[in-house]
C-alpha cells in the first residue's frame, strides 16, 4: 500500500542496502524514494579544530558510502550527498524534492536525539513527516523491562528477559522470527529515484577538508562487502570464541564492531546467525557467548536511554564523590598513558595499537581503563573522552558503559575492590609476549617470562636484551601494589560516606 507519493531516506548509521529498516519501509510505503547522506558539519567540523587531518572513521564512512552509492545505482537509484549541517539541510532538501515524508533509522545518542527532534519539528512545520524505524538494535528503549515496568540495571536479568522476549515472538525463533526477519525480503528497488549527481560524484575527502587515512592496518574492509567478509571468516572459528576472545595476539574476535557502528552489517542478521550457530550448528558455547556480546550492546543502549545522565555523570551518583588525582603530575601521568609510556608493557602496547590503528582488543580495553582509573587514580571520564577520539568503533553507550564498569560507578560494574593487576593480566593473556613485541619492538629480545615487568629484571638481563630502562623503555609510573592500596582508600572513603 502506497501512502506517500515521494519520500526521502536519510542514511546515517545504516550504510547498507539490505535488511535496512528505513529503506525497506520507505520503498514499501512510497511511490518514489530518494536517498541522502549528509556529511554533517556539526560532527565533522570539531574534528578539524587543528586544520585538515586524517580520520580513519571519516575514511571508513567515505569508502562505505561509495560502495552503497554504487549498489543503489545498480538498481536505478543513487545517493544524494551533501556536506552541510544536517539539522537545516534535511528540511531544506525535503522541500526541494517535494517529499511528503523523511524516513530515518533511530539514533539513541543525546546529540542525535536533539538533532532529530529539531529536524522533525521543522518538517512538521512545513507539512511533512519524519518516520523513525528501529534498525541498529534488536530491542530499544522500553521494549525490555522488568515485571514492574522498570528498566534493568543488571545485565544477566536483562539478558534473560531479552532472550525470552525474542523467543516469544515466533513458534520457530531461529528460522522465522518476525523481529529478526522483518526486512529480509527484497524491497522494490524499482521505486528508487535516480540521484541528481553523476556516477562517482561523491565529494572527495579533500572536498570535506580531510586528508587521506590509511585503513590498511585495520585489517578490515569497509562497506557491506567488508562486513560480509568478516562474518564469513568469523563463522569458521566461532566455536572457539569463548576462549580465543581473551587473547589479543589471536584473531579470536569478529572485528565487526566498526561495521555495527556504521551499519554496514545488520545486527538482526548477526543475532539470527548467532542463534542458528548456537542451536543448530557447530558454534556451541562460542556462539552463545558472542550472542551475549550483542545483547550487551542492546543493554548499554537501554541504559543510555533510561539514564541519560550517564553521558556526563556516574550511573551511581555517589561515585561522583571520588577525589581523583589532579594537577600537573596527574596530567603528566595521563599523557604518558595516552602515549603508551607507562612502563607496563601490556598497557603500553595496547595504547600504541589504539593510537596507530584506532582498534583495541576488548580485553585490553578493560586492562588499560582499569590501569588509568585504579593504578593512576585518574577520572574515568578523561580516558572515556580519549577513547572517543581514537576508537574507530566509538559508540557512546558502549564506551561509557565500559569505562563506568572499570570505574565501578556503572550498572552491573566491576566491584570497587577488584583491581586488575596489569602484570598478571599480561602473563595470563599474552604469556609469550607476542602481542607486546608487535607494538614494543624495543622489548623484543626479552623472553616471554621476562617481558611483562622489565623493571624487575637484573641489570645484566636487561643489558643482554639491549634494554636500558629510562632510555629505551620507561620506568613504571607507579608501583601497582602501592597504587592498589591508594585506590582502596580512595573508594573506601566514598563507601563510608554513603553507608
Protein backbone atom coordinates (compact mmCIF):
# COMPACT_ATOMS: atom_id res chain seq x y z
CA UNK A 1 0.00 0.00 0.00
CA UNK A 2 1.42 3.35 -1.06
CA UNK A 3 0.93 6.16 1.47
CA UNK A 4 3.36 8.73 0.07
CA UNK A 5 3.98 9.92 -3.44
CA UNK A 6 7.61 10.76 -2.72
CA UNK A 7 9.81 10.08 0.30
CA UNK A 8 13.38 10.65 1.37
CA UNK A 9 15.56 8.12 3.22
CA UNK A 10 18.20 9.84 5.34
CA UNK A 11 21.09 7.42 5.84
CA UNK A 12 23.21 7.79 8.99
CA UNK A 13 24.44 4.77 10.98
CA UNK A 14 22.99 2.34 8.45
CA UNK A 15 25.20 2.31 5.35
CA UNK A 16 23.78 -0.74 3.60
CA UNK A 17 21.04 -1.56 1.09
CA UNK A 18 19.87 -4.88 2.59
CA UNK A 19 17.88 -5.65 5.75
CA UNK A 20 17.70 -1.89 6.25
CA UNK A 21 14.56 -0.80 8.09
CA UNK A 22 14.14 2.80 6.91
CA UNK A 23 14.93 1.99 3.28
CA UNK A 24 12.63 -1.02 3.31
CA UNK A 25 9.73 0.89 4.88
CA UNK A 26 10.16 3.82 2.51
CA UNK A 27 10.21 1.57 -0.56
CA UNK A 28 7.12 -0.25 0.73
CA UNK A 29 5.07 2.86 1.55
CA UNK A 30 6.17 5.33 -1.15
CA UNK A 31 5.83 5.58 -4.91
CA UNK A 32 9.25 7.23 -5.35
CA UNK A 33 12.17 7.18 -2.91
CA UNK A 34 15.18 9.49 -2.79
CA UNK A 35 18.28 8.67 -0.72
CA UNK A 36 20.59 11.12 1.02
CA UNK A 37 23.66 11.10 3.21
CA UNK A 38 24.86 14.24 4.97
CA UNK A 39 28.48 14.66 5.97
CA UNK A 40 27.24 16.58 8.98
CA UNK A 41 29.36 19.61 9.74
CA UNK A 42 28.13 19.58 13.33
CA UNK A 43 30.10 16.33 13.69
CA UNK A 44 32.97 16.87 11.25
CA UNK A 45 33.95 20.48 11.94
CA UNK A 46 35.12 19.75 15.53
CA UNK A 47 37.39 17.03 14.14
CA UNK A 48 39.17 19.72 12.13
CA UNK A 49 39.84 22.07 15.01
CA UNK A 50 43.57 21.98 14.22
CA UNK A 51 43.14 22.11 10.44
CA UNK A 52 42.92 19.35 7.84
CA UNK A 53 43.56 15.94 9.38
CA UNK A 54 43.32 12.26 8.55
CA UNK A 55 40.47 10.49 10.32
CA UNK A 56 40.02 6.75 9.91
CA UNK A 57 36.32 6.88 10.76
CA UNK A 58 35.60 9.50 8.11
CA UNK A 59 37.61 7.48 5.59
CA UNK A 60 35.69 4.31 6.54
CA UNK A 61 32.37 6.11 6.08
CA UNK A 62 33.54 7.62 2.79
CA UNK A 63 34.54 4.27 1.29
CA UNK A 64 31.44 2.53 2.65
CA UNK A 65 29.25 5.27 1.19
CA UNK A 66 30.89 4.87 -2.23
CA UNK A 67 30.03 1.17 -2.21
CA UNK A 68 26.46 1.85 -1.10
CA UNK A 69 26.02 4.51 -3.78
CA UNK A 70 27.25 2.06 -6.43
CA UNK A 71 24.82 -0.58 -5.18
CA UNK A 72 21.88 1.82 -5.26
CA UNK A 73 22.87 2.94 -8.77
CA UNK A 74 22.85 -0.67 -9.93
CA UNK A 75 19.13 -0.64 -9.01
CA UNK A 76 18.44 2.65 -10.78
CA UNK A 77 18.82 4.88 -7.73
CA UNK A 78 21.79 6.60 -6.14
CA UNK A 79 22.80 8.74 -3.21
CA UNK A 80 22.44 12.48 -2.81
CA UNK A 81 25.47 13.54 -0.77
CA UNK A 82 25.81 16.89 0.95
CA UNK A 83 28.40 18.47 3.23
CA UNK A 84 26.28 20.65 5.47
CA UNK A 85 24.57 20.92 8.83
CA UNK A 86 22.01 18.12 8.73
CA UNK A 87 19.62 19.92 11.06
CA UNK A 88 18.95 22.58 8.41
CA UNK A 89 19.85 20.65 5.24
CA UNK A 90 17.33 17.82 5.61
CA UNK A 91 14.26 20.10 5.88
CA UNK A 92 15.63 22.21 3.02
CA UNK A 93 16.24 19.15 0.80
CA UNK A 94 12.84 17.68 1.67
CA UNK A 95 11.23 20.89 0.45
CA UNK A 96 13.40 20.97 -2.67
CA UNK A 97 12.42 17.41 -3.60
CA UNK A 98 8.79 17.82 -2.58
CA UNK A 99 8.74 14.71 -0.42
CA UNK A 100 5.92 14.02 2.00
CA UNK A 101 8.00 12.03 4.48
CA UNK A 102 11.58 11.55 5.61
CA UNK A 103 12.44 8.04 6.79
CA UNK A 104 15.27 7.53 9.28
CA UNK A 105 16.59 4.80 11.49
CA UNK A 106 16.51 5.73 15.15
CA UNK A 107 19.68 7.05 16.77
CA UNK A 108 19.86 6.99 20.56
CA UNK A 109 22.74 9.26 21.50
CA UNK A 110 21.68 12.51 23.20
CA UNK A 111 23.06 14.82 20.49
CA UNK A 112 21.39 12.74 17.78
CA UNK A 113 18.08 12.70 19.67
CA UNK A 114 18.16 16.50 19.94
CA UNK A 115 19.09 16.87 16.26
CA UNK A 116 16.31 14.55 15.13
CA UNK A 117 13.76 16.35 17.29
CA UNK A 118 14.72 19.64 15.67
CA UNK A 119 14.51 18.15 12.15
CA UNK A 120 11.17 16.53 12.91
CA UNK A 121 9.76 19.83 14.19
CA UNK A 122 10.98 21.68 11.10
CA UNK A 123 9.45 19.08 8.80
CA UNK A 124 6.16 19.13 10.67
CA UNK A 125 6.02 22.92 10.42
CA UNK A 126 6.37 22.50 6.65
CA UNK A 127 3.60 19.91 6.44
CA UNK A 128 5.92 16.89 6.18
CA UNK A 129 6.52 13.85 8.37
CA UNK A 130 9.57 12.22 9.87
CA UNK A 131 9.19 8.48 10.33
CA UNK A 132 11.66 6.68 12.60
CA UNK A 133 12.42 2.98 12.39
CA UNK A 134 14.32 0.60 14.65
CA UNK A 135 17.44 -0.71 12.95
CA UNK A 136 20.65 -0.64 14.98
CA UNK A 137 19.36 -2.73 17.90
CA UNK A 138 17.09 -5.72 18.38
CA UNK A 139 15.20 -4.17 21.30
CA UNK A 140 15.13 -0.46 22.05
CA UNK A 141 14.02 1.95 24.76
CA UNK A 142 11.30 0.30 26.87
CA UNK A 143 10.82 -2.92 24.89
CA UNK A 144 12.57 -5.00 27.58
CA UNK A 145 11.53 -4.06 31.12
CA UNK A 146 11.18 -5.77 34.48
CA UNK A 147 7.84 -7.21 35.56
CA UNK A 148 7.21 -3.96 37.43
CA UNK A 149 7.80 -1.92 34.28
CA UNK A 150 11.20 -0.57 35.25
CA UNK A 151 14.43 -0.64 33.22
CA UNK A 152 17.00 -3.27 34.03
CA UNK A 153 20.29 -2.14 35.55
CA UNK A 154 21.90 -5.58 35.87
CA UNK A 155 22.90 -7.42 32.73
CA UNK A 156 22.05 -11.07 33.43
CA UNK A 157 18.34 -10.47 34.23
CA UNK A 158 18.20 -8.17 31.19
CA UNK A 159 19.75 -10.86 29.02
CA UNK A 160 17.27 -13.47 30.24
CA UNK A 161 14.33 -11.14 29.57
CA UNK A 162 15.81 -10.19 26.18
CA UNK A 163 16.01 -13.84 25.15
CA UNK A 164 12.54 -14.62 26.49
CA UNK A 165 11.05 -11.67 24.60
CA UNK A 166 12.80 -12.69 21.40
CA UNK A 167 11.86 -16.34 21.66
CA UNK A 168 8.24 -15.45 22.34
CA UNK A 169 7.98 -13.67 19.01
CA UNK A 170 7.62 -16.83 16.92
CA UNK A 171 6.99 -20.55 17.17
CA UNK A 172 10.28 -21.10 15.34
CA UNK A 173 12.51 -18.31 16.68
CA UNK A 174 15.57 -19.34 14.69
CA UNK A 175 14.13 -19.60 11.19
CA UNK A 176 11.07 -17.38 11.14
CA UNK A 177 11.32 -14.86 13.95
CA UNK A 178 9.46 -11.71 12.83
CA UNK A 179 11.72 -9.47 14.90
CA UNK A 180 14.79 -10.77 13.10
CA UNK A 181 13.34 -11.46 9.65
CA UNK A 182 11.07 -8.47 9.11
CA UNK A 183 13.23 -6.85 6.44
CA UNK A 184 14.75 -9.91 4.82
CA UNK A 185 12.54 -9.80 1.73
CA UNK A 186 13.94 -7.88 -1.24
CA UNK A 187 12.44 -4.38 -1.34
CA UNK A 188 11.05 -2.90 -4.56
CA UNK A 189 14.20 -1.15 -5.77
CA UNK A 190 12.25 -0.04 -8.83
CA UNK A 191 10.85 2.76 -6.70
CA UNK A 192 14.28 4.32 -6.19
CA UNK A 193 14.68 7.77 -7.69
CA UNK A 194 17.88 8.39 -9.67
CA UNK A 195 20.27 10.60 -7.74
CA UNK A 196 20.74 14.04 -9.33
CA UNK A 197 24.54 13.66 -9.40
CA UNK A 198 26.75 11.86 -11.90
CA UNK A 199 28.25 8.47 -11.10
CA UNK A 200 31.37 8.75 -8.95
CA UNK A 201 30.22 12.21 -7.99
CA UNK A 202 30.75 11.77 -4.27
CA UNK A 203 32.83 14.50 -2.68
CA UNK A 204 36.41 13.51 -2.04
CA UNK A 205 37.96 13.51 1.40
CA UNK A 206 39.80 16.65 0.34
CA UNK A 207 36.46 18.26 -0.55
CA UNK A 208 35.39 17.54 3.02
CA UNK A 209 38.58 19.03 4.44
CA UNK A 210 40.23 15.75 5.40
CA UNK A 211 43.50 14.11 4.44
CA UNK A 212 43.59 10.50 3.21
CA UNK A 213 43.64 7.94 6.02
CA UNK A 214 45.38 4.59 5.79
CA UNK A 215 42.90 1.83 6.59
CA UNK A 216 45.30 -0.99 5.71
CA UNK A 217 46.44 -1.54 9.31
CA UNK A 218 42.86 -2.11 10.41
CA UNK A 219 42.88 -5.44 8.59
CA UNK A 220 39.20 -4.98 7.80
CA UNK A 221 37.50 -3.87 4.62
CA UNK A 222 34.93 -1.05 4.68
CA UNK A 223 31.40 -1.24 3.39
CA UNK A 224 28.91 -4.06 3.06
CA UNK A 225 31.42 -6.31 1.34
CA UNK A 226 33.99 -5.77 4.09
CA UNK A 227 31.41 -6.63 6.73
CA UNK A 228 30.37 -9.81 4.94
CA UNK A 229 33.97 -10.95 4.60
CA UNK A 230 34.43 -10.62 8.35
CA UNK A 231 31.21 -12.50 9.08
CA UNK A 232 32.23 -15.37 6.82
CA UNK A 233 35.70 -15.57 8.36
CA UNK A 234 34.41 -15.39 11.93
CA UNK A 235 31.80 -18.11 11.47
CA UNK A 236 34.61 -20.51 10.61
CA UNK A 237 36.08 -20.08 14.10
CA UNK A 238 33.10 -19.01 16.23
CA UNK A 239 33.22 -22.27 18.20
CA UNK A 240 36.49 -21.09 19.77
CA UNK A 241 35.22 -17.61 20.59
CA UNK A 242 34.58 -18.20 24.30
CA UNK A 243 38.30 -18.81 24.89
CA UNK A 244 40.03 -17.13 21.95
CA UNK A 245 38.38 -13.74 22.55
CA UNK A 246 40.60 -13.14 25.60
CA UNK A 247 43.96 -13.27 23.80
CA UNK A 248 44.93 -10.10 21.94
CA UNK A 249 47.62 -11.81 19.86
CA UNK A 250 44.99 -14.14 18.36
CA UNK A 251 42.36 -13.36 15.76
CA UNK A 252 39.71 -14.57 18.17
CA UNK A 253 37.07 -11.83 17.87
CA UNK A 254 34.77 -10.91 14.99
CA UNK A 255 36.20 -7.38 14.44
CA UNK A 256 32.66 -6.39 13.44
CA UNK A 257 32.24 -3.55 15.94
CA UNK A 258 33.12 -0.78 13.47
CA UNK A 259 30.69 -2.30 10.96
CA UNK A 260 27.98 -2.36 13.62
CA UNK A 261 28.82 1.25 14.46
CA UNK A 262 28.19 2.43 10.91
CA UNK A 263 25.54 -0.10 9.96
CA UNK A 264 27.37 -1.80 7.12
CA UNK A 265 26.14 -5.05 8.68
CA UNK A 266 22.71 -5.81 10.12
CA UNK A 267 22.52 -6.57 13.82
CA UNK A 268 19.37 -8.60 13.10
CA UNK A 269 21.29 -10.87 10.74
CA UNK A 270 24.11 -11.26 13.27
CA UNK A 271 21.71 -12.21 16.06
CA UNK A 272 19.94 -14.61 13.72
CA UNK A 273 23.25 -16.21 12.75
CA UNK A 274 24.37 -16.48 16.37
CA UNK A 275 21.12 -18.20 17.34
CA UNK A 276 21.40 -20.63 14.46
CA UNK A 277 25.03 -21.45 15.29
CA UNK A 278 24.21 -21.88 18.96
CA UNK A 279 21.30 -24.25 18.43
CA UNK A 280 21.74 -25.87 15.04
CA UNK A 281 25.37 -25.51 14.09
CA UNK A 282 28.79 -26.21 15.49
CA UNK A 283 29.14 -22.83 17.20
CA UNK A 284 28.08 -24.12 20.59
CA UNK A 285 29.30 -22.17 23.59
CA UNK A 286 31.25 -19.74 21.41
CA UNK A 287 28.10 -18.66 19.59
CA UNK A 288 26.24 -18.30 22.89
CA UNK A 289 28.96 -16.01 24.28
CA UNK A 290 29.04 -13.97 21.07
CA UNK A 291 25.25 -13.56 21.23
CA UNK A 292 25.69 -12.28 24.79
CA UNK A 293 28.04 -9.60 23.45
CA UNK A 294 25.32 -8.47 21.04
CA UNK A 295 22.87 -8.37 23.95
CA UNK A 296 25.35 -6.28 25.98
CA UNK A 297 25.19 -3.78 23.13
CA UNK A 298 21.39 -3.51 23.43
CA UNK A 299 21.72 -3.31 27.21
CA UNK A 300 24.01 -0.28 27.08
CA UNK A 301 21.69 1.44 24.61
CA UNK A 302 18.86 0.83 27.07
CA UNK A 303 20.91 2.29 29.93
CA UNK A 304 21.69 5.41 27.90
CA UNK A 305 18.00 5.85 27.05
CA UNK A 306 16.66 5.40 30.57
CA UNK A 307 19.54 7.03 32.43
CA UNK A 308 20.87 9.76 30.10
CA UNK A 309 22.86 11.31 32.95
CA UNK A 310 25.49 8.61 32.43
CA UNK A 311 26.83 10.58 29.45
CA UNK A 312 28.31 13.10 31.93
CA UNK A 313 27.96 11.56 35.39
CA UNK A 314 28.36 8.26 37.18
CA UNK A 315 25.44 5.85 36.86
CA UNK A 316 25.73 5.51 40.65
CA UNK A 317 25.83 9.22 41.64
CA UNK A 318 27.65 8.54 44.90
CA UNK A 319 30.76 7.68 42.90
CA UNK A 320 30.96 11.26 41.68
CA UNK A 321 32.26 11.99 45.19
CA UNK A 322 35.56 10.25 44.45
CA UNK A 323 38.56 12.52 44.76
CA UNK A 324 40.52 11.85 41.58
CA UNK A 325 44.17 12.71 41.06
CA UNK A 326 44.60 16.18 39.57
CA UNK A 327 47.23 18.82 38.90
CA UNK A 328 50.41 18.78 36.78
CA UNK A 329 51.59 15.37 37.98
CA UNK A 330 48.26 13.75 37.13
CA UNK A 331 48.31 15.48 33.73
CA UNK A 332 51.78 14.07 33.04
CA UNK A 333 50.68 10.56 34.01
CA UNK A 334 47.59 10.85 31.84
CA UNK A 335 49.70 11.91 28.86
CA UNK A 336 52.09 9.01 29.47
CA UNK A 337 49.09 6.66 29.48
CA UNK A 338 47.84 8.18 26.21
CA UNK A 339 51.26 7.81 24.60
CA UNK A 340 51.85 4.24 25.77
CA UNK A 341 54.70 5.19 28.11
CA UNK A 342 53.51 3.91 31.49
CA UNK A 343 56.27 1.34 31.93
CA UNK A 344 53.75 -1.52 31.95
CA UNK A 345 54.26 -3.33 28.62
CA UNK A 346 50.76 -4.72 28.06
CA UNK A 347 49.19 -1.33 28.79
CA UNK A 348 51.67 0.47 26.57
CA UNK A 349 51.35 -1.98 23.67
CA UNK A 350 47.56 -1.65 23.80
CA UNK A 351 47.68 2.16 23.78
CA UNK A 352 50.13 2.22 20.88
CA UNK A 353 47.89 -0.11 18.91
CA UNK A 354 44.97 2.21 19.59
CA UNK A 355 46.90 5.32 18.55
CA UNK A 356 48.20 3.80 15.34
CA UNK A 357 45.16 1.81 14.17
CA UNK A 358 42.07 3.00 16.06
CA UNK A 359 41.48 -0.57 17.25
CA UNK A 360 41.82 -2.06 20.71
CA UNK A 361 41.00 -5.60 21.78
CA UNK A 362 38.23 -5.79 24.37
CA UNK A 363 40.41 -7.48 26.99
CA UNK A 364 42.89 -4.65 26.59
CA UNK A 365 40.16 -2.03 26.91
CA UNK A 366 39.49 -3.44 30.36
CA UNK A 367 43.18 -3.58 31.26
CA UNK A 368 44.03 -0.05 30.10
CA UNK A 369 40.93 1.56 31.58
CA UNK A 370 41.41 -0.15 34.94
CA UNK A 371 45.06 0.93 34.93
CA UNK A 372 44.18 4.58 34.31
CA UNK A 373 41.48 4.59 36.99
CA UNK A 374 42.82 2.32 39.69
CA UNK A 375 46.60 2.49 39.24
CA UNK A 376 46.92 6.14 38.27
CA UNK A 377 43.81 7.36 40.14
CA UNK A 378 42.62 9.46 37.19
CA UNK A 379 38.95 10.25 36.49
CA UNK A 380 37.48 7.68 34.11
CA UNK A 381 35.89 10.47 32.06
CA UNK A 382 39.31 11.57 30.81
CA UNK A 383 40.00 8.11 29.46
CA UNK A 384 36.48 7.83 28.10
CA UNK A 385 37.00 11.02 26.07
CA UNK A 386 40.36 9.82 24.79
CA UNK A 387 38.86 6.55 23.57
CA UNK A 388 36.01 8.53 21.98
CA UNK A 389 38.57 10.45 19.93
CA UNK A 390 40.59 7.40 18.92
CA UNK A 391 38.36 4.34 18.56
CA UNK A 392 37.15 3.51 15.06
CA UNK A 393 34.12 1.80 16.57
CA UNK A 394 33.38 4.54 19.11
CA UNK A 395 29.84 4.25 20.34
CA UNK A 396 28.81 6.48 23.24
CA UNK A 397 26.68 3.90 25.06
CA UNK A 398 29.19 1.03 24.90
CA UNK A 399 32.22 3.22 25.53
CA UNK A 400 30.58 4.86 28.53
CA UNK A 401 29.35 1.53 29.83
CA UNK A 402 32.81 0.01 29.59
CA UNK A 403 34.52 2.89 31.35
CA UNK A 404 31.94 3.02 34.12
CA UNK A 405 32.30 -0.74 34.53
CA UNK A 406 36.03 -0.27 35.08
CA UNK A 407 35.43 2.64 37.47
CA UNK A 408 32.89 0.57 39.45
CA UNK A 409 30.50 3.50 39.02
CA UNK A 410 28.24 1.96 36.38
CA UNK A 411 25.41 -0.51 36.19
CA UNK A 412 26.46 -4.09 36.91
CA UNK A 413 30.03 -2.83 37.27
CA UNK A 414 33.22 -4.45 38.49
CA UNK A 415 33.28 -4.28 42.33
CA UNK A 416 35.31 -1.32 43.54
CA UNK A 417 37.72 -3.54 45.47
CA UNK A 418 38.51 -5.72 42.44
CA UNK A 419 41.58 -4.20 40.81
CA UNK A 420 43.28 -5.70 37.78
CA UNK A 421 46.97 -6.39 38.19
CA UNK A 422 48.44 -5.34 34.81
CA UNK A 423 51.37 -7.74 35.13
CA UNK A 424 49.17 -10.70 35.99
CA UNK A 425 46.85 -9.84 33.10
CA UNK A 426 49.87 -9.69 30.80
CA UNK A 427 51.23 -13.04 31.96
CA UNK A 428 47.84 -14.69 31.59
CA UNK A 429 46.63 -13.30 28.27
CA UNK A 430 49.90 -12.63 26.43
CA UNK A 431 52.05 -15.28 28.10
CA UNK A 432 54.71 -15.41 25.37
CA UNK A 433 54.69 -11.66 24.82
CA UNK A 434 53.65 -11.96 21.18
CA UNK A 435 51.28 -9.01 21.31
CA UNK A 436 53.68 -6.89 23.35
CA UNK A 437 56.55 -7.45 20.91
CA UNK A 438 54.37 -6.46 17.95
CA UNK A 439 53.96 -2.96 19.40
CA UNK A 440 57.05 -2.58 21.58
CA UNK A 441 59.89 -3.90 19.41
CA UNK A 442 62.46 -2.45 21.82
CA UNK A 443 61.47 -5.24 24.22
CA UNK A 444 61.61 -7.88 21.51
CA UNK A 445 64.71 -9.68 22.83
CA UNK A 446 63.24 -10.24 26.29
CA UNK A 447 61.91 -13.73 26.96
CA UNK A 448 58.23 -14.46 27.38
CA UNK A 449 58.86 -14.83 31.09
CA UNK A 450 60.68 -11.51 31.44
CA UNK A 451 58.80 -9.19 29.10
CA UNK A 452 55.85 -8.47 31.38
CA UNK A 453 57.70 -6.50 34.10
CA UNK A 454 61.10 -5.25 32.83
CA UNK A 455 61.81 -3.22 35.98
CA UNK A 456 62.06 -6.43 38.00
CA UNK A 457 64.90 -7.80 35.90
CA UNK A 458 68.56 -7.87 36.77
CA UNK A 459 70.68 -5.21 35.01
CA UNK A 460 72.60 -7.92 33.15
CA UNK A 461 69.38 -9.45 31.77
CA UNK A 462 68.29 -6.04 30.51
CA UNK A 463 71.72 -5.35 29.04
CA UNK A 464 71.77 -8.62 27.11
CA UNK A 465 68.34 -7.78 25.70
CA UNK A 466 69.51 -4.31 24.67
CA UNK A 467 67.13 -2.55 27.01
CA UNK A 468 68.04 0.42 29.17
CA UNK A 469 65.15 1.46 31.39
CA UNK A 470 64.52 5.17 31.22
CA UNK A 471 66.06 5.34 27.73
CA UNK A 472 64.72 2.51 25.57
CA UNK A 473 61.66 1.91 27.70
CA UNK A 474 60.29 3.90 30.65
CA UNK A 475 60.40 3.03 34.29
CA UNK A 476 56.89 2.27 35.65
CA UNK A 477 54.89 5.36 36.55
CA UNK A 478 53.64 3.72 39.72
CA UNK A 479 54.11 0.52 41.66
CA UNK A 480 50.91 -1.47 41.32
CA UNK A 481 50.88 -2.72 44.91
CA UNK A 482 51.16 0.81 46.29
CA UNK A 483 48.65 2.23 43.80
CA UNK A 484 46.19 -0.52 44.69
CA UNK A 485 46.25 0.46 48.37
CA UNK A 486 45.70 4.11 47.50
CA UNK A 487 42.73 3.19 45.32
CA UNK A 488 41.17 1.07 48.03
CA UNK A 489 41.46 4.03 50.38
CA UNK A 490 40.03 6.41 47.77
CA UNK A 491 36.96 4.24 47.25
CA UNK A 492 36.61 3.32 50.92
CA UNK A 493 36.15 7.00 51.81
CA UNK A 494 33.17 7.16 49.45
CA UNK A 495 31.69 3.86 50.62
CA UNK A 496 31.96 5.03 54.22
CA UNK A 497 30.27 8.34 53.43
CA UNK A 498 27.27 6.64 51.84
CA UNK A 499 26.99 3.79 54.34
